Amino acid sequence: MSLSTSTLVVVQQYLTRYGMTTYDILGNIGSIFNLLIFSQSSHRRNPCSLYIFSMSLCSAIGLNSAVIPLIYALDHPNPLSYSIPFCKSQYYFRHVFSQSMRTFFVVACVDR
């Protein structure tokens, strides 16, 4: 029983370390490309582009505030477990930016 449990813990750590890192890198690359494209002067004339730009910015901030503490906690003491203000602020910012991203998406759809 302990062998299978320890194997699952190792698999979970590898998935978090490499899967979430890949997820974070690809998400940041996509957000950066969106920010670069929708910050050009030809796209700034369209109000929908402003919403997509804001959505990409919120997506990048929300993604990094959610994934980086998870990856950091693999090799270091988890700051969420011993710092209550950090724990509350991390969950708050993650929620705010995720909801803002969804709101900008809905507003962009309504604007079209």
PDB file of N, CA and C in Angstrom:
ATOM      1  N   MET A   1       0.825  -1.196   0.000  1.00  0.00           N
ATOM      2  CA  MET A   1       0.000   0.000   0.000  1.00  0.00           C
ATOM      3  C   MET A   1       0.861   1.249   0.000  1.00  0.00           C
ATOM      4  N   SER A   2       1.926   1.273   0.765  1.00  0.00           N
ATOM      5  CA  SER A   2       2.750   2.481   0.837  1.00  0.00           C
ATOM      6  C   SER A   2       3.517   2.703  -0.461  1.00  0.00           C
ATOM      7  N   LEU A   3       3.830   1.619  -1.176  1.00  0.00           N
ATOM      8  CA  LEU A   3       4.535   1.778  -2.448  1.00  0.00           C
ATOM      9  C   LEU A   3       3.650   2.472  -3.468  1.00  0.00           C
ATOM     10  N   SER A   4       2.385   2.063  -3.551  1.00  0.00           N
ATOM     11  CA  SER A   4       1.485   2.700  -4.518  1.00  0.00           C
ATOM     12  C   SER A   4       1.176   4.139  -4.115  1.00  0.00           C
ATOM     13  N   THR A   5       1.088   4.399  -2.809  1.00  0.00           N
ATOM     14  CA  THR A   5       0.841   5.759  -2.345  1.00  0.00           C
ATOM     15  C   THR A   5       2.028   6.656  -2.643  1.00  0.00           C
ATOM     16  N   SER A   6       3.230   6.157  -2.392  1.00  0.00           N
ATOM     17  CA  SER A   6       4.409   6.975  -2.683  1.00  0.00           C
ATOM     18  C   SER A   6       4.583   7.173  -4.183  1.00  0.00           C
ATOM     19  N   THR A   7       4.202   6.184  -4.971  1.00  0.00           N
ATOM     20  CA  THR A   7       4.270   6.333  -6.425  1.00  0.00           C
ATOM     21  C   THR A   7       3.304   7.412  -6.899  1.00  0.00           C
ATOM     22  N   LEU A   8       2.107   7.431  -6.341  1.00  0.00           N
ATOM     23  CA  LEU A   8       1.131   8.451  -6.716  1.00  0.00           C
ATOM     24  C   LEU A   8       1.591   9.850  -6.318  1.00  0.00           C
ATOM     25  N   VAL A   9       2.254   9.955  -5.176  1.00  0.00           N
ATOM     26  CA  VAL A   9       2.775  11.257  -4.747  1.00  0.00           C
ATOM     27  C   VAL A   9       3.850  11.741  -5.709  1.00  0.00           C
ATOM     28  N   VAL A  10       4.722  10.845  -6.132  1.00  0.00           N
ATOM     29  CA  VAL A  10       5.780  11.212  -7.083  1.00  0.00           C
ATOM     30  C   VAL A  10       5.178  11.605  -8.429  1.00  0.00           C
ATOM     31  N   VAL A  11       4.190  10.844  -8.885  1.00  0.00           N
ATOM     32  CA  VAL A  11       3.531  11.175 -10.158  1.00  0.00           C
ATOM     33  C   VAL A  11       2.854  12.543 -10.060  1.00  0.00           C
ATOM     34  N   GLN A  12       2.208  12.815  -8.933  1.00  0.00           N
ATOM     35  CA  GLN A  12       1.561  14.110  -8.747  1.00  0.00           C
ATOM     36  C   GLN A  12       2.586  15.246  -8.754  1.00  0.00           C
ATOM     37  N   GLN A  13       3.732  15.035  -8.125  1.00  0.00           N
ATOM     38  CA  GLN A  13       4.769  16.068  -8.121  1.00  0.00           C
ATOM     39  C   GLN A  13       5.315  16.308  -9.520  1.00  0.00           C
ATOM     40  N   TYR A  14       5.537  15.234 -10.286  1.00  0.00           N
ATOM     41  CA  TYR A  14       6.024  15.403 -11.660  1.00  0.00           C
ATOM     42  C   TYR A  14       4.997  16.111 -12.536  1.00  0.00           C
ATOM     43  N   LEU A  15       3.730  15.732 -12.390  1.00  0.00           N
ATOM     44  CA  LEU A  15       2.695  16.397 -13.178  1.00  0.00           C
ATOM     45  C   LEU A  15       2.591  17.877 -12.820  1.00  0.00           C
ATOM     46  N   THR A  16       2.708  18.181 -11.539  1.00  0.00           N
ATOM     47  CA  THR A  16       2.662  19.585 -11.129  1.00  0.00           C
ATOM     48  C   THR A  16       3.886  20.328 -11.618  1.00  0.00           C
ATOM     49  N   ARG A  17       5.055  19.720 -11.462  1.00  0.00           N
ATOM     50  CA  ARG A  17       6.289  20.404 -11.840  1.00  0.00           C
ATOM     51  C   ARG A  17       6.371  20.636 -13.341  1.00  0.00           C
ATOM     52  N   TYR A  18       6.123  19.617 -14.133  1.00  0.00           N
ATOM     53  CA  TYR A  18       6.320  19.752 -15.582  1.00  0.00           C
ATOM     54  C   TYR A  18       5.035  20.130 -16.320  1.00  0.00           C
ATOM     55  N   GLY A  19       3.910  19.582 -15.903  1.00  0.00           N
ATOM     56  CA  GLY A  19       2.654  19.907 -16.570  1.00  0.00           C
ATOM     57  C   GLY A  19       2.218  21.339 -16.312  1.00  0.00           C
ATOM     58  N   MET A  20       2.263  21.751 -15.048  1.00  0.00           N
ATOM     59  CA  MET A  20       1.852  23.118 -14.724  1.00  0.00           C
ATOM     60  C   MET A  20       2.857  24.141 -15.235  1.00  0.00           C
ATOM     61  N   THR A  21       4.138  23.777 -15.264  1.00  0.00           N
ATOM     62  CA  THR A  21       5.133  24.689 -15.831  1.00  0.00           C
ATOM     63  C   THR A  21       4.883  24.886 -17.319  1.00  0.00           C
ATOM     64  N   THR A  22       4.590  23.800 -18.024  1.00  0.00           N
ATOM     65  CA  THR A  22       4.273  23.903 -19.450  1.00  0.00           C
ATOM     66  C   THR A  22       3.001  24.714 -19.655  1.00  0.00           C
ATOM     67  N   TYR A  23       2.012  24.463 -18.838  1.00  0.00           N
ATOM     68  CA  TYR A  23       0.749  25.207 -18.894  1.00  0.00           C
ATOM     69  C   TYR A  23       0.995  26.698 -18.679  1.00  0.00           C
ATOM     70  N   ASP A  24       1.829  27.038 -17.715  1.00  0.00           N
ATOM     71  CA  ASP A  24       2.129  28.436 -17.412  1.00  0.00           C
ATOM     72  C   ASP A  24       2.899  29.094 -18.552  1.00  0.00           C
ATOM     73  N   ILE A  25       3.889  28.404 -19.078  1.00  0.00           N
ATOM     74  CA  ILE A  25       4.700  28.970 -20.165  1.00  0.00           C
ATOM     75  C   ILE A  25       3.853  29.191 -21.411  1.00  0.00           C
ATOM     76  N   LEU A  26       3.074  28.190 -21.809  1.00  0.00           N
ATOM     77  CA  LEU A  26       2.241  28.340 -23.006  1.00  0.00           C
ATOM     78  C   LEU A  26       1.154  29.399 -22.810  1.00  0.00           C
ATOM     79  N   GLY A  27       0.593  29.468 -21.625  1.00  0.00           N
ATOM     80  CA  GLY A  27      -0.410  30.499 -21.347  1.00  0.00           C
ATOM     81  C   GLY A  27       0.176  31.894 -21.396  1.00  0.00           C
ATOM     82  N   ASN A  28       1.386  32.052 -20.861  1.00  0.00           N
ATOM     83  CA  ASN A  28       2.035  33.364 -20.907  1.00  0.00           C
ATOM     84  C   ASN A  28       2.421  33.746 -22.326  1.00  0.00           C
ATOM     85  N   ILE A  29       2.870  32.779 -23.113  1.00  0.00           N
ATOM     86  CA  ILE A  29       3.210  33.072 -24.514  1.00  0.00           C
ATOM     87  C   ILE A  29       1.962  33.524 -25.270  1.00  0.00           C
ATOM     88  N   GLY A  30       0.854  32.830 -25.087  1.00  0.00           N
ATOM     89  CA  GLY A  30      -0.389  33.221 -25.741  1.00  0.00           C
ATOM     90  C   GLY A  30      -0.871  34.592 -25.300  1.00  0.00           C
ATOM     91  N   SER A  31      -0.758  34.875 -24.009  1.00  0.00           N
ATOM     92  CA  SER A  31      -1.180  36.188 -23.512  1.00  0.00           C
ATOM     93  C   SER A  31      -0.284  37.298 -24.045  1.00  0.00           C
ATOM     94  N   ILE A  32       1.012  37.034 -24.119  1.00  0.00           N
ATOM     95  CA  ILE A  32       1.938  38.042 -24.649  1.00  0.00           C
ATOM     96  C   ILE A  32       1.651  38.310 -26.115  1.00  0.00           C
ATOM     97  N   PHE A  33       1.399  37.258 -26.889  1.00  0.00           N
ATOM     98  CA  PHE A  33       1.053  37.462 -28.303  1.00  0.00           C
ATOM     99  C   PHE A  33      -0.239  38.269 -28.445  1.00  0.00           C
ATOM    100  N   ASN A  34      -1.239  37.947 -27.638  1.00  0.00           N
ATOM    101  CA  ASN A  34      -2.480  38.725 -27.680  1.00  0.00           C
ATOM    102  C   ASN A  34      -2.237  40.181 -27.314  1.00  0.00           C
ATOM    103  N   LEU A  35      -1.427  40.410 -26.286  1.00  0.00           N
ATOM    104  CA  LEU A  35      -1.135  41.784 -25.879  1.00  0.00           C
ATOM    105  C   LEU A  35      -0.391  42.534 -26.971  1.00  0.00           C
ATOM    106  N   LEU A  36       0.546  41.865 -27.630  1.00  0.00           N
ATOM    107  CA  LEU A  36       1.286  42.514 -28.713  1.00  0.00           C
ATOM    108  C   LEU A  36       0.386  42.813 -29.911  1.00  0.00           C
ATOM    109  N   ILE A  37      -0.471  41.885 -30.254  1.00  0.00           N
ATOM    110  CA  ILE A  37      -1.347  42.077 -31.417  1.00  0.00           C
ATOM    111  C   ILE A  37      -2.382  43.166 -31.151  1.00  0.00           C
ATOM    112  N   PHE A  38      -3.048  43.103 -30.013  1.00  0.00           N
ATOM    113  CA  PHE A  38      -4.143  44.033 -29.761  1.00  0.00           C
ATOM    114  C   PHE A  38      -3.685  45.378 -29.215  1.00  0.00           C
ATOM    115  N   SER A  39      -2.390  45.577 -29.030  1.00  0.00           N
ATOM    116  CA  SER A  39      -1.898  46.899 -28.657  1.00  0.00           C
ATOM    117  C   SER A  39      -1.440  47.698 -29.873  1.00  0.00           C
ATOM    118  N   GLN A  40      -1.490  47.114 -31.051  1.00  0.00           N
ATOM    119  CA  GLN A  40      -1.122  47.842 -32.265  1.00  0.00           C
ATOM    120  C   GLN A  40      -2.184  48.885 -32.580  1.00  0.00           C
ATOM    121  N   SER A  41      -1.738  49.942 -33.254  1.00  0.00           N
ATOM    122  CA  SER A  41      -2.639  51.073 -33.497  1.00  0.00           C
ATOM    123  C   SER A  41      -3.826  50.698 -34.384  1.00  0.00           C
ATOM    124  N   SER A  42      -3.647  49.755 -35.286  1.00  0.00           N
ATOM    125  CA  SER A  42      -4.766  49.368 -36.155  1.00  0.00           C
ATOM    126  C   SER A  42      -5.870  48.655 -35.377  1.00  0.00           C
ATOM    127  N   HIS A  43      -5.525  47.987 -34.295  1.00  0.00           N
ATOM    128  CA  HIS A  43      -6.523  47.278 -33.493  1.00  0.00           C
ATOM    129  C   HIS A  43      -7.093  48.142 -32.377  1.00  0.00           C
ATOM    130  N   ARG A  44      -6.403  49.219 -32.033  1.00  0.00           N
ATOM    131  CA  ARG A  44      -6.874  50.044 -30.926  1.00  0.00           C
ATOM    132  C   ARG A  44      -8.123  50.852 -31.270  1.00  0.00           C
ATOM    133  N   ARG A  45      -8.461  50.947 -32.522  1.00  0.00           N
ATOM    134  CA  ARG A  45      -9.653  51.698 -32.925  1.00  0.00           C
ATOM    135  C   ARG A  45     -10.940  50.934 -32.624  1.00  0.00           C
ATOM    136  N   ASN A  46     -10.847  49.652 -32.539  1.00  0.00           N
ATOM    137  CA  ASN A  46     -12.021  48.813 -32.299  1.00  0.00           C
ATOM    138  C   ASN A  46     -12.200  48.609 -30.788  1.00  0.00           C
ATOM    139  N   PRO A  47     -13.367  48.930 -30.230  1.00  0.00           N
ATOM    140  CA  PRO A  47     -13.547  48.748 -28.786  1.00  0.00           C
ATOM    141  C   PRO A  47     -13.471  47.283 -28.354  1.00  0.00           C
ATOM    142  N   CYS A  48     -13.823  46.374 -29.237  1.00  0.00           N
ATOM    143  CA  CYS A  48     -13.743  44.953 -28.904  1.00  0.00           C
ATOM    144  C   CYS A  48     -12.291  44.538 -28.655  1.00  0.00           C
ATOM    145  N   SER A  49     -11.369  45.158 -29.374  1.00  0.00           N
ATOM    146  CA  SER A  49      -9.953  44.850 -29.189  1.00  0.00           C
ATOM    147  C   SER A  49      -9.463  45.278 -27.815  1.00  0.00           C
ATOM    148  N   LEU A  50     -10.014  46.368 -27.304  1.00  0.00           N
ATOM    149  CA  LEU A  50      -9.656  46.807 -25.956  1.00  0.00           C
ATOM    150  C   LEU A  50     -10.100  45.773 -24.924  1.00  0.00           C
ATOM    151  N   TYR A  51     -11.273  45.193 -25.132  1.00  0.00           N
ATOM    152  CA  TYR A  51     -11.752  44.160 -24.212  1.00  0.00           C
ATOM    153  C   TYR A  51     -10.882  42.907 -24.288  1.00  0.00           C
ATOM    154  N   ILE A  52     -10.483  42.534 -25.483  1.00  0.00           N
ATOM    155  CA  ILE A  52      -9.627  41.353 -25.635  1.00  0.00           C
ATOM    156  C   ILE A  52      -8.246  41.623 -25.049  1.00  0.00           C
ATOM    157  N   PHE A  53      -7.736  42.836 -25.218  1.00  0.00           N
ATOM    158  CA  PHE A  53      -6.462  43.217 -24.611  1.00  0.00           C
ATOM    159  C   PHE A  53      -6.557  43.123 -23.088  1.00  0.00           C
ATOM    160  N   SER A  54      -7.620  43.668 -22.516  1.00  0.00           N
ATOM    161  CA  SER A  54      -7.810  43.616 -21.063  1.00  0.00           C
ATOM    162  C   SER A  54      -7.998  42.184 -20.581  1.00  0.00           C
ATOM    163  N   MET A  55      -8.701  41.382 -21.367  1.00  0.00           N
ATOM    164  CA  MET A  55      -8.898  39.980 -21.017  1.00  0.00           C
ATOM    165  C   MET A  55      -7.561  39.234 -20.995  1.00  0.00           C
ATOM    166  N   SER A  56      -6.699  39.517 -21.963  1.00  0.00           N
ATOM    167  CA  SER A  56      -5.390  38.860 -22.010  1.00  0.00           C
ATOM    168  C   SER A  56      -4.515  39.289 -20.842  1.00  0.00           C
ATOM    169  N   LEU A  57      -4.592  40.556 -20.471  1.00  0.00           N
ATOM    170  CA  LEU A  57      -3.815  41.042 -19.334  1.00  0.00           C
ATOM    171  C   LEU A  57      -4.286  40.380 -18.037  1.00  0.00           C
ATOM    172  N   CYS A  58      -5.587  40.318 -17.839  1.00  0.00           N
ATOM    173  CA  CYS A  58      -6.132  39.646 -16.648  1.00  0.00           C
ATOM    174  C   CYS A  58      -5.806  38.156 -16.656  1.00  0.00           C
ATOM    175  N   SER A  59      -5.809  37.561 -17.823  1.00  0.00           N
ATOM    176  CA  SER A  59      -5.482  36.141 -17.943  1.00  0.00           C
ATOM    177  C   SER A  59      -4.040  35.873 -17.531  1.00  0.00           C
ATOM    178  N   ALA A  60      -3.124  36.711 -17.978  1.00  0.00           N
ATOM    179  CA  ALA A  60      -1.712  36.520 -17.630  1.00  0.00           C
ATOM    180  C   ALA A  60      -1.486  36.697 -16.132  1.00  0.00           C
ATOM    181  N   ILE A  61      -2.087  37.720 -15.553  1.00  0.00           N
ATOM    182  CA  ILE A  61      -1.909  37.960 -14.116  1.00  0.00           C
ATOM    183  C   ILE A  61      -2.573  36.849 -13.305  1.00  0.00           C
ATOM    184  N   GLY A  62      -3.781  36.459 -13.692  1.00  0.00           N
ATOM    185  CA  GLY A  62      -4.476  35.394 -12.971  1.00  0.00           C
ATOM    186  C   GLY A  62      -3.777  34.054 -13.075  1.00  0.00           C
ATOM    187  N   LEU A  63      -3.251  33.757 -14.253  1.00  0.00           N
ATOM    188  CA  LEU A  63      -2.532  32.496 -14.447  1.00  0.00           C
ATOM    189  C   LEU A  63      -1.281  32.447 -13.581  1.00  0.00           C
ATOM    190  N   ASN A  64      -0.518  33.523 -13.583  1.00  0.00           N
ATOM    191  CA  ASN A  64       0.715  33.535 -12.800  1.00  0.00           C
ATOM    192  C   ASN A  64       0.441  33.542 -11.302  1.00  0.00           C
ATOM    193  N   SER A  65      -0.622  34.207 -10.874  1.00  0.00           N
ATOM    194  CA  SER A  65      -0.917  34.213  -9.441  1.00  0.00           C
ATOM    195  C   SER A  65      -1.446  32.866  -8.966  1.00  0.00           C
ATOM    196  N   ALA A  66      -1.929  32.036  -9.875  1.00  0.00           N
ATOM    197  CA  ALA A  66      -2.442  30.722  -9.485  1.00  0.00           C
ATOM    198  C   ALA A  66      -1.392  29.625  -9.590  1.00  0.00           C
ATOM    199  N   VAL A  67      -0.576  29.654 -10.641  1.00  0.00           N
ATOM    200  CA  VAL A  67       0.312  28.526 -10.927  1.00  0.00           C
ATOM    201  C   VAL A  67       1.670  28.658 -10.246  1.00  0.00           C
ATOM    202  N   ILE A  68       2.227  29.839 -10.207  1.00  0.00           N
ATOM    203  CA  ILE A  68       3.581  30.000  -9.661  1.00  0.00           C
ATOM    204  C   ILE A  68       3.669  29.583  -8.189  1.00  0.00           C
ATOM    205  N   PRO A  69       2.713  29.934  -7.313  1.00  0.00           N
ATOM    206  CA  PRO A  69       2.813  29.427  -5.937  1.00  0.00           C
ATOM    207  C   PRO A  69       2.749  27.900  -5.837  1.00  0.00           C
ATOM    208  N   LEU A  70       2.002  27.251  -6.735  1.00  0.00           N
ATOM    209  CA  LEU A  70       1.951  25.782  -6.724  1.00  0.00           C
ATOM    210  C   LEU A  70       3.301  25.176  -7.077  1.00  0.00           C
ATOM    211  N   ILE A  71       3.945  25.732  -8.084  1.00  0.00           N
ATOM    212  CA  ILE A  71       5.247  25.215  -8.507  1.00  0.00           C
ATOM    213  C   ILE A  71       6.303  25.516  -7.449  1.00  0.00           C
ATOM    214  N   TYR A  72       6.225  26.689  -6.855  1.00  0.00           N
ATOM    215  CA  TYR A  72       7.181  27.070  -5.813  1.00  0.00           C
ATOM    216  C   TYR A  72       7.058  26.157  -4.593  1.00  0.00           C
ATOM    217  N   ALA A  73       5.844  25.755  -4.267  1.00  0.00           N
ATOM    218  CA  ALA A  73       5.612  24.949  -3.068  1.00  0.00           C
ATOM    219  C   ALA A  73       6.123  23.521  -3.194  1.00  0.00           C
ATOM    220  N   LEU A  74       6.533  23.091  -4.384  1.00  0.00           N
ATOM    221  CA  LEU A  74       7.062  21.733  -4.524  1.00  0.00           C
ATOM    222  C   LEU A  74       8.416  21.573  -3.841  1.00  0.00           C
ATOM    223  N   ASP A  75       9.265  22.583  -3.938  1.00  0.00           N
ATOM    224  CA  ASP A  75      10.626  22.472  -3.410  1.00  0.00           C
ATOM    225  C   ASP A  75      10.887  23.362  -2.209  1.00  0.00           C
ATOM    226  N   HIS A  76       9.932  24.164  -1.826  1.00  0.00           N
ATOM    227  CA  HIS A  76      10.104  25.100  -0.723  1.00  0.00           C
ATOM    228  C   HIS A  76       8.902  24.981   0.211  1.00  0.00           C
ATOM    229  N   PRO A  77       9.018  25.541   1.401  1.00  0.00           N
ATOM    230  CA  PRO A  77       7.833  25.547   2.272  1.00  0.00           C
ATOM    231  C   PRO A  77       6.704  26.345   1.620  1.00  0.00           C
ATOM    232  N   ASN A  78       5.520  25.814   1.698  1.00  0.00           N
ATOM    233  CA  ASN A  78       4.374  26.444   1.058  1.00  0.00           C
ATOM    234  C   ASN A  78       3.990  27.711   1.816  1.00  0.00           C
ATOM    235  N   PRO A  79       4.117  28.883   1.190  1.00  0.00           N
ATOM    236  CA  PRO A  79       3.773  30.121   1.903  1.00  0.00           C
ATOM    237  C   PRO A  79       2.283  30.234   2.205  1.00  0.00           C
ATOM    238  N   LEU A  80       1.451  29.483   1.496  1.00  0.00           N
ATOM    239  CA  LEU A  80       0.015  29.524   1.768  1.00  0.00           C
ATOM    240  C   LEU A  80      -0.330  28.877   3.100  1.00  0.00           C
ATOM    241  N   SER A  81       0.527  27.975   3.567  1.00  0.00           N
ATOM    242  CA  SER A  81       0.211  27.251   4.791  1.00  0.00           C
ATOM    243  C   SER A  81       0.677  27.970   6.053  1.00  0.00           C
ATOM    244  N   TYR A  82       1.583  28.937   5.942  1.00  0.00           N
ATOM    245  CA  TYR A  82       2.041  29.615   7.154  1.00  0.00           C
ATOM    246  C   TYR A  82       1.855  31.124   7.121  1.00  0.00           C
ATOM    247  N   SER A  83       1.343  31.670   6.054  1.00  0.00           N
ATOM    248  CA  SER A  83       1.098  33.106   5.979  1.00  0.00           C
ATOM    249  C   SER A  83      -0.360  33.341   5.593  1.00  0.00           C
ATOM    250  N   ILE A  84      -1.158  33.694   6.573  1.00  0.00           N
ATOM    251  CA  ILE A  84      -2.582  33.901   6.318  1.00  0.00           C
ATOM    252  C   ILE A  84      -2.826  35.088   5.379  1.00  0.00           C
ATOM    253  N   PRO A  85      -2.131  36.229   5.541  1.00  0.00           N
ATOM    254  CA  PRO A  85      -2.363  37.326   4.581  1.00  0.00           C
ATOM    255  C   PRO A  85      -1.987  36.949   3.144  1.00  0.00           C
ATOM    256  N   PHE A  86      -0.898  36.209   2.978  1.00  0.00           N
ATOM    257  CA  PHE A  86      -0.519  35.782   1.631  1.00  0.00           C
ATOM    258  C   PHE A  86      -1.548  34.817   1.064  1.00  0.00           C
ATOM    259  N   CYS A  87      -2.045  33.933   1.887  1.00  0.00           N
ATOM    260  CA  CYS A  87      -3.054  32.966   1.442  1.00  0.00           C
ATOM    261  C   CYS A  87      -4.324  33.686   0.999  1.00  0.00           C
ATOM    262  N   LYS A  88      -4.791  34.625   1.806  1.00  0.00           N
ATOM    263  CA  LYS A  88      -6.008  35.355   1.461  1.00  0.00           C
ATOM    264  C   LYS A  88      -5.815  36.211   0.215  1.00  0.00           C
ATOM    265  N   SER A  89      -4.687  36.896   0.133  1.00  0.00           N
ATOM    266  CA  SER A  89      -4.464  37.769  -1.028  1.00  0.00           C
ATOM    267  C   SER A  89      -4.273  36.951  -2.304  1.00  0.00           C
ATOM    268  N   GLN A  90      -3.627  35.808  -2.209  1.00  0.00           N
ATOM    269  CA  GLN A  90      -3.418  34.983  -3.393  1.00  0.00           C
ATOM    270  C   GLN A  90      -4.748  34.477  -3.938  1.00  0.00           C
ATOM    271  N   TYR A  91      -5.601  33.984  -3.060  1.00  0.00           N
ATOM    272  CA  TYR A  91      -6.911  33.517  -3.512  1.00  0.00           C
ATOM    273  C   TYR A  91      -7.770  34.678  -4.000  1.00  0.00           C
ATOM    274  N   TYR A  92      -7.675  35.829  -3.360  1.00  0.00           N
ATOM    275  CA  TYR A  92      -8.453  36.991  -3.774  1.00  0.00           C
ATOM    276  C   TYR A  92      -8.042  37.446  -5.172  1.00  0.00           C
ATOM    277  N   PHE A  93      -6.734  37.624  -5.400  1.00  0.00           N
ATOM    278  CA  PHE A  93      -6.273  38.096  -6.704  1.00  0.00           C
ATOM    279  C   PHE A  93      -6.559  37.072  -7.802  1.00  0.00           C
ATOM    280  N   ARG A  94      -6.404  35.816  -7.477  1.00  0.00           N
ATOM    281  CA  ARG A  94      -6.709  34.784  -8.467  1.00  0.00           C
ATOM    282  C   ARG A  94      -8.181  34.837  -8.861  1.00  0.00           C
ATOM    283  N   HIS A  95      -9.042  35.000  -7.882  1.00  0.00           N
ATOM    284  CA  HIS A  95     -10.474  35.073  -8.162  1.00  0.00           C
ATOM    285  C   HIS A  95     -10.825  36.354  -8.922  1.00  0.00           C
ATOM    286  N   VAL A  96     -10.271  37.484  -8.506  1.00  0.00           N
ATOM    287  CA  VAL A  96     -10.588  38.764  -9.150  1.00  0.00           C
ATOM    288  C   VAL A  96     -10.166  38.756 -10.611  1.00  0.00           C
ATOM    289  N   PHE A  97      -8.952  38.304 -10.895  1.00  0.00           N
ATOM    290  CA  PHE A  97      -8.483  38.338 -12.277  1.00  0.00           C
ATOM    291  C   PHE A  97      -9.178  37.285 -13.142  1.00  0.00           C
ATOM    292  N   SER A  98      -9.533  36.157 -12.571  1.00  0.00           N
ATOM    293  CA  SER A  98     -10.282  35.158 -13.339  1.00  0.00           C
ATOM    294  C   SER A  98     -11.681  35.663 -13.671  1.00  0.00           C
ATOM    295  N   GLN A  99     -12.340  36.292 -12.711  1.00  0.00           N
ATOM    296  CA  GLN A  99     -13.670  36.834 -12.971  1.00  0.00           C
ATOM    297  C   GLN A  99     -13.606  38.025 -13.924  1.00  0.00           C
ATOM    298  N   SER A 100     -12.571  38.848 -13.813  1.00  0.00           N
ATOM    299  CA  SER A 100     -12.414  39.983 -14.731  1.00  0.00           C
ATOM    300  C   SER A 100     -12.208  39.489 -16.153  1.00  0.00           C
ATOM    301  N   MET A 101     -11.433  38.428 -16.302  1.00  0.00           N
ATOM    302  CA  MET A 101     -11.208  37.859 -17.627  1.00  0.00           C
ATOM    303  C   MET A 101     -12.532  37.384 -18.229  1.00  0.00           C
ATOM    304  N   ARG A 102     -13.341  36.710 -17.450  1.00  0.00           N
ATOM    305  CA  ARG A 102     -14.639  36.242 -17.945  1.00  0.00           C
ATOM    306  C   ARG A 102     -15.575  37.414 -18.264  1.00  0.00           C
ATOM    307  N   THR A 103     -15.526  38.448 -17.435  1.00  0.00           N
ATOM    308  CA  THR A 103     -16.368  39.620 -17.664  1.00  0.00           C
ATOM    309  C   THR A 103     -15.984  40.319 -18.959  1.00  0.00           C
ATOM    310  N   PHE A 104     -14.685  40.485 -19.197  1.00  0.00           N
ATOM    311  CA  PHE A 104     -14.244  41.113 -20.442  1.00  0.00           C
ATOM    312  C   PHE A 104     -14.626  40.264 -21.652  1.00  0.00           C
ATOM    313  N   PHE A 105     -14.612  38.956 -21.500  1.00  0.00           N
ATOM    314  CA  PHE A 105     -15.025  38.077 -22.596  1.00  0.00           C
ATOM    315  C   PHE A 105     -16.504  38.274 -22.924  1.00  0.00           C
ATOM    316  N   VAL A 106     -17.334  38.328 -21.900  1.00  0.00           N
ATOM    317  CA  VAL A 106     -18.768  38.530 -22.114  1.00  0.00           C
ATOM    318  C   VAL A 106     -19.027  39.906 -22.720  1.00  0.00           C
ATOM    319  N   VAL A 107     -18.343  40.932 -22.228  1.00  0.00           N
ATOM    320  CA  VAL A 107     -18.530  42.283 -22.759  1.00  0.00           C
ATOM    321  C   VAL A 107     -18.074  42.351 -24.217  1.00  0.00           C
ATOM    322  N   ALA A 108     -16.993  41.665 -24.552  1.00  0.00           N
ATOM    323  CA  ALA A 108     -16.533  41.645 -25.946  1.00  0.00           C
ATOM    324  C   ALA A 108     -17.554  40.945 -26.838  1.00  0.00           C
ATOM    325  N   CYS A 109     -18.176  39.890 -26.344  1.00  0.00           N
ATOM    326  CA  CYS A 109     -19.208  39.201 -27.131  1.00  0.00           C
ATOM    327  C   CYS A 109     -20.446  40.072 -27.303  1.00  0.00           C
ATOM    328  N   VAL A 110     -20.835  40.782 -26.258  1.00  0.00           N
ATOM    329  CA  VAL A 110     -22.007  41.651 -26.330  1.00  0.00           C
ATOM    330  C   VAL A 110     -21.726  42.837 -27.252  1.00  0.00           C
ATOM    331  N   ASP A 111     -20.500  43.321 -27.244  1.00  0.00           N
ATOM    332  CA  ASP A 111     -20.130  44.475 -28.067  1.00  0.00           C
ATOM    333  C   ASP A 111     -20.203  44.148 -29.549  1.00  0.00           C
ATOM    334  N   ARG A 112     -19.935  42.923 -29.905  1.00  0.00           N
ATOM    335  CA  ARG A 112     -19.976  42.537 -31.321  1.00  0.00           C
ATOM    336  C   ARG A 112     -21.406  42.467 -31.744  1.00  0.00           C
TER     337      ARG A 112
END
